[in-house]
Amino acid sequence: MNMISRDERKRQKGIKKFLLSFTYPVKGLKYAYRNEQNLAVDVGISLLVLIAGFIFQLETYEWVIIAMTIGVVIAGELINTAIEAVVDLVTEEYHPLAKVAKDTSAAAVFILAIMAVVVGIIIFLPKLIGLF
């Protein structure tokens, strides 16, 4: 197998390399969606929130907030997945620092999810109350 260094790969330019660069994030999303239960749950909840947004006819600024919130939570899940994969690559044995890395990256996603719920309450609760 012809191996080239990372530096040599980084110096390569061209439309082919540019177009190929879009396949990597798609592969990452596919992997995470298929293998990370929490990401699948996040996507499902996001779809419900988007449907609710159409039903309640959100204002443009509300859509921006919802879109950013969904993006941040999903990005957080992807970062958590990457951190867990790197930790698993480095050590298969239990190590207290590996546990800290995994637990704190999971905690970061947990905080993002809590904030997403808060955002959802702020945006949708007044609309729900208005129905009654």
C-alpha atoms as a PDB file:
ATOM      1  CA  MET A   1       0.000   0.000   0.000  1.00  0.00           C
ATOM      2  CA  ASN A   2       1.407   3.386  -1.008  1.00  0.00           C
ATOM      3  CA  MET A   3       1.442   5.508   2.152  1.00  0.00           C
ATOM      4  CA  ILE A   4       1.817   9.278   2.021  1.00  0.00           C
ATOM      5  CA  SER A   5       2.322  11.494   5.025  1.00  0.00           C
ATOM      6  CA  ARG A   6      -0.366  13.693   6.507  1.00  0.00           C
ATOM      7  CA  ASP A   7       1.598  16.779   5.404  1.00  0.00           C
ATOM      8  CA  GLU A   8       1.680  15.529   1.813  1.00  0.00           C
ATOM      9  CA  ARG A   9      -2.080  14.861   1.876  1.00  0.00           C
ATOM     10  CA  LYS A  10      -2.704  18.349   3.270  1.00  0.00           C
ATOM     11  CA  ARG A  11      -0.695  19.926   0.428  1.00  0.00           C
ATOM     12  CA  GLN A  12      -2.786  18.195  -2.229  1.00  0.00           C
ATOM     13  CA  LYS A  13      -5.273  20.558  -3.802  1.00  0.00           C
ATOM     14  CA  GLY A  14      -7.987  20.382  -6.409  1.00  0.00           C
ATOM     15  CA  ILE A  15     -11.664  19.969  -7.015  1.00  0.00           C
ATOM     16  CA  LYS A  16     -11.528  16.194  -6.436  1.00  0.00           C
ATOM     17  CA  LYS A  17     -10.060  16.647  -2.965  1.00  0.00           C
ATOM     18  CA  PHE A  18     -12.539  19.436  -2.251  1.00  0.00           C
ATOM     19  CA  LEU A  19     -15.533  17.318  -3.274  1.00  0.00           C
ATOM     20  CA  LEU A  20     -14.232  14.290  -1.368  1.00  0.00           C
ATOM     21  CA  SER A  21     -13.996  16.442   1.763  1.00  0.00           C
ATOM     22  CA  PHE A  22     -17.822  16.476   1.895  1.00  0.00           C
ATOM     23  CA  THR A  23     -18.022  12.680   2.082  1.00  0.00           C
ATOM     24  CA  TYR A  24     -16.247  12.496   5.454  1.00  0.00           C
ATOM     25  CA  PRO A  25     -18.840  14.412   7.494  1.00  0.00           C
ATOM     26  CA  VAL A  26     -21.622  12.428   5.831  1.00  0.00           C
ATOM     27  CA  LYS A  27     -19.875   9.187   6.808  1.00  0.00           C
ATOM     28  CA  GLY A  28     -19.477  10.523  10.355  1.00  0.00           C
ATOM     29  CA  LEU A  29     -23.165  11.407  10.593  1.00  0.00           C
ATOM     30  CA  LYS A  30     -24.181   7.994   9.243  1.00  0.00           C
ATOM     31  CA  TYR A  31     -21.927   6.211  11.706  1.00  0.00           C
ATOM     32  CA  ALA A  32     -23.137   8.207  14.689  1.00  0.00           C
ATOM     33  CA  TYR A  33     -26.805   7.902  13.734  1.00  0.00           C
ATOM     34  CA  ARG A  34     -26.523   4.131  13.332  1.00  0.00           C
ATOM     35  CA  ASN A  35     -24.406   3.520  16.421  1.00  0.00           C
ATOM     36  CA  GLU A  36     -25.315   6.195  18.949  1.00  0.00           C
ATOM     37  CA  GLN A  37     -28.781   5.772  20.439  1.00  0.00           C
ATOM     38  CA  ASN A  38     -28.808   9.285  21.916  1.00  0.00           C
ATOM     39  CA  LEU A  39     -28.189  10.865  18.510  1.00  0.00           C
ATOM     40  CA  ALA A  40     -31.114   8.960  17.040  1.00  0.00           C
ATOM     41  CA  VAL A  41     -33.279  10.182  19.942  1.00  0.00           C
ATOM     42  CA  ASP A  42     -32.059  13.762  19.385  1.00  0.00           C
ATOM     43  CA  VAL A  43     -32.920  13.574  15.689  1.00  0.00           C
ATOM     44  CA  GLY A  44     -36.380  12.211  16.487  1.00  0.00           C
ATOM     45  CA  ILE A  45     -37.064  14.948  19.029  1.00  0.00           C
ATOM     46  CA  SER A  46     -35.740  17.533  16.572  1.00  0.00           C
ATOM     47  CA  LEU A  47     -38.209  16.361  13.944  1.00  0.00           C
ATOM     48  CA  LEU A  48     -41.075  16.666  16.457  1.00  0.00           C
ATOM     49  CA  VAL A  49     -39.905  20.179  17.362  1.00  0.00           C
ATOM     50  CA  LEU A  50     -39.764  21.151  13.679  1.00  0.00           C
ATOM     51  CA  ILE A  51     -43.285  19.829  13.135  1.00  0.00           C
ATOM     52  CA  ALA A  52     -44.467  21.770  16.201  1.00  0.00           C
ATOM     53  CA  GLY A  53     -42.767  24.863  14.792  1.00  0.00           C
ATOM     54  CA  PHE A  54     -44.797  24.587  11.591  1.00  0.00           C
ATOM     55  CA  ILE A  55     -48.014  23.945  13.510  1.00  0.00           C
ATOM     56  CA  PHE A  56     -47.467  26.985  15.747  1.00  0.00           C
ATOM     57  CA  GLN A  57     -46.175  29.108  12.855  1.00  0.00           C
ATOM     58  CA  LEU A  58     -43.007  30.262  14.570  1.00  0.00           C
ATOM     59  CA  GLU A  59     -41.583  33.697  13.889  1.00  0.00           C
ATOM     60  CA  THR A  60     -38.305  33.930  11.959  1.00  0.00           C
ATOM     61  CA  TYR A  61     -36.261  34.678  15.088  1.00  0.00           C
ATOM     62  CA  GLU A  62     -37.822  31.651  16.824  1.00  0.00           C
ATOM     63  CA  TRP A  63     -36.830  29.433  13.888  1.00  0.00           C
ATOM     64  CA  VAL A  64     -33.279  30.745  14.142  1.00  0.00           C
ATOM     65  CA  ILE A  65     -33.158  29.927  17.853  1.00  0.00           C
ATOM     66  CA  ILE A  66     -34.641  26.453  17.286  1.00  0.00           C
ATOM     67  CA  ALA A  67     -32.243  25.719  14.405  1.00  0.00           C
ATOM     68  CA  MET A  68     -29.221  26.842  16.413  1.00  0.00           C
ATOM     69  CA  THR A  69     -30.335  24.842  19.441  1.00  0.00           C
ATOM     70  CA  ILE A  70     -30.844  21.670  17.400  1.00  0.00           C
ATOM     71  CA  GLY A  71     -27.482  22.167  15.695  1.00  0.00           C
ATOM     72  CA  VAL A  72     -25.633  22.692  18.970  1.00  0.00           C
ATOM     73  CA  VAL A  73     -27.131  19.595  20.601  1.00  0.00           C
ATOM     74  CA  ILE A  74     -26.410  17.369  17.595  1.00  0.00           C
ATOM     75  CA  ALA A  75     -22.883  18.773  17.281  1.00  0.00           C
ATOM     76  CA  GLY A  76     -22.394  18.111  20.996  1.00  0.00           C
ATOM     77  CA  GLU A  77     -23.459  14.484  20.507  1.00  0.00           C
ATOM     78  CA  LEU A  78     -21.003  14.126  17.627  1.00  0.00           C
ATOM     79  CA  ILE A  79     -18.151  15.600  19.671  1.00  0.00           C
ATOM     80  CA  ASN A  80     -19.030  13.275  22.546  1.00  0.00           C
ATOM     81  CA  THR A  81     -18.944  10.311  20.144  1.00  0.00           C
ATOM     82  CA  ALA A  82     -15.537  11.403  18.845  1.00  0.00           C
ATOM     83  CA  ILE A  83     -14.126  11.793  22.363  1.00  0.00           C
ATOM     84  CA  GLU A  84     -15.413   8.360  23.375  1.00  0.00           C
ATOM     85  CA  ALA A  85     -13.906   6.800  20.232  1.00  0.00           C
ATOM     86  CA  VAL A  86     -10.509   8.379  20.859  1.00  0.00           C
ATOM     87  CA  VAL A  87     -10.521   7.262  24.493  1.00  0.00           C
ATOM     88  CA  ASP A  88     -11.414   3.723  23.408  1.00  0.00           C
ATOM     89  CA  LEU A  89      -8.610   3.853  20.836  1.00  0.00           C
ATOM     90  CA  VAL A  90      -6.046   4.899  23.431  1.00  0.00           C
ATOM     91  CA  THR A  91      -6.973   2.377  26.110  1.00  0.00           C
ATOM     92  CA  GLU A  92      -9.125  -0.708  26.326  1.00  0.00           C
ATOM     93  CA  GLU A  93      -8.473  -1.032  30.051  1.00  0.00           C
ATOM     94  CA  TYR A  94     -10.270   0.900  32.730  1.00  0.00           C
ATOM     95  CA  HIS A  95      -8.443   4.096  33.565  1.00  0.00           C
ATOM     96  CA  PRO A  96      -9.770   6.859  35.843  1.00  0.00           C
ATOM     97  CA  LEU A  97      -8.800   9.580  33.358  1.00  0.00           C
ATOM     98  CA  ALA A  98     -10.550   7.745  30.530  1.00  0.00           C
ATOM     99  CA  LYS A  99     -13.665   7.705  32.714  1.00  0.00           C
ATOM    100  CA  VAL A 100     -13.302  11.431  33.392  1.00  0.00           C
ATOM    101  CA  ALA A 101     -13.024  12.174  29.650  1.00  0.00           C
ATOM    102  CA  LYS A 102     -16.069  10.082  28.784  1.00  0.00           C
ATOM    103  CA  ASP A 103     -18.176  11.268  31.724  1.00  0.00           C
ATOM    104  CA  THR A 104     -17.436  14.959  31.231  1.00  0.00           C
ATOM    105  CA  SER A 105     -18.089  14.840  27.489  1.00  0.00           C
ATOM    106  CA  ALA A 106     -21.405  13.108  28.227  1.00  0.00           C
ATOM    107  CA  ALA A 107     -22.138  15.755  30.875  1.00  0.00           C
ATOM    108  CA  ALA A 108     -21.540  18.511  28.309  1.00  0.00           C
ATOM    109  CA  VAL A 109     -24.169  16.977  26.029  1.00  0.00           C
ATOM    110  CA  PHE A 110     -26.505  16.587  29.005  1.00  0.00           C
ATOM    111  CA  ILE A 111     -26.189  20.317  29.782  1.00  0.00           C
ATOM    112  CA  LEU A 112     -26.847  21.155  26.117  1.00  0.00           C
ATOM    113  CA  ALA A 113     -29.941  18.944  26.149  1.00  0.00           C
ATOM    114  CA  ILE A 114     -31.239  20.623  29.311  1.00  0.00           C
ATOM    115  CA  MET A 115     -30.735  24.028  27.719  1.00  0.00           C
ATOM    116  CA  ALA A 116     -32.559  22.820  24.590  1.00  0.00           C
ATOM    117  CA  VAL A 117     -35.528  21.855  26.762  1.00  0.00           C
ATOM    118  CA  VAL A 118     -35.434  25.296  28.396  1.00  0.00           C
ATOM    119  CA  VAL A 119     -35.390  26.949  24.958  1.00  0.00           C
ATOM    120  CA  GLY A 120     -38.301  24.763  23.890  1.00  0.00           C
ATOM    121  CA  ILE A 121     -40.294  25.720  26.984  1.00  0.00           C
ATOM    122  CA  ILE A 122     -39.615  29.423  26.452  1.00  0.00           C
ATOM    123  CA  ILE A 123     -40.717  29.268  22.810  1.00  0.00           C
ATOM    124  CA  PHE A 124     -43.577  26.755  22.914  1.00  0.00           C
ATOM    125  CA  LEU A 125     -45.176  27.126  26.367  1.00  0.00           C
ATOM    126  CA  PRO A 126     -46.779  30.521  25.651  1.00  0.00           C
ATOM    127  CA  LYS A 127     -48.150  29.113  22.382  1.00  0.00           C
ATOM    128  CA  LEU A 128     -49.563  26.069  24.167  1.00  0.00           C
ATOM    129  CA  ILE A 129     -51.105  28.241  26.857  1.00  0.00           C
ATOM    130  CA  GLY A 130     -52.653  30.391  24.124  1.00  0.00           C
ATOM    131  CA  LEU A 131     -54.588  27.368  22.885  1.00  0.00           C
ATOM    132  CA  PHE A 132     -56.601  27.212  26.139  1.00  0.00           C
END
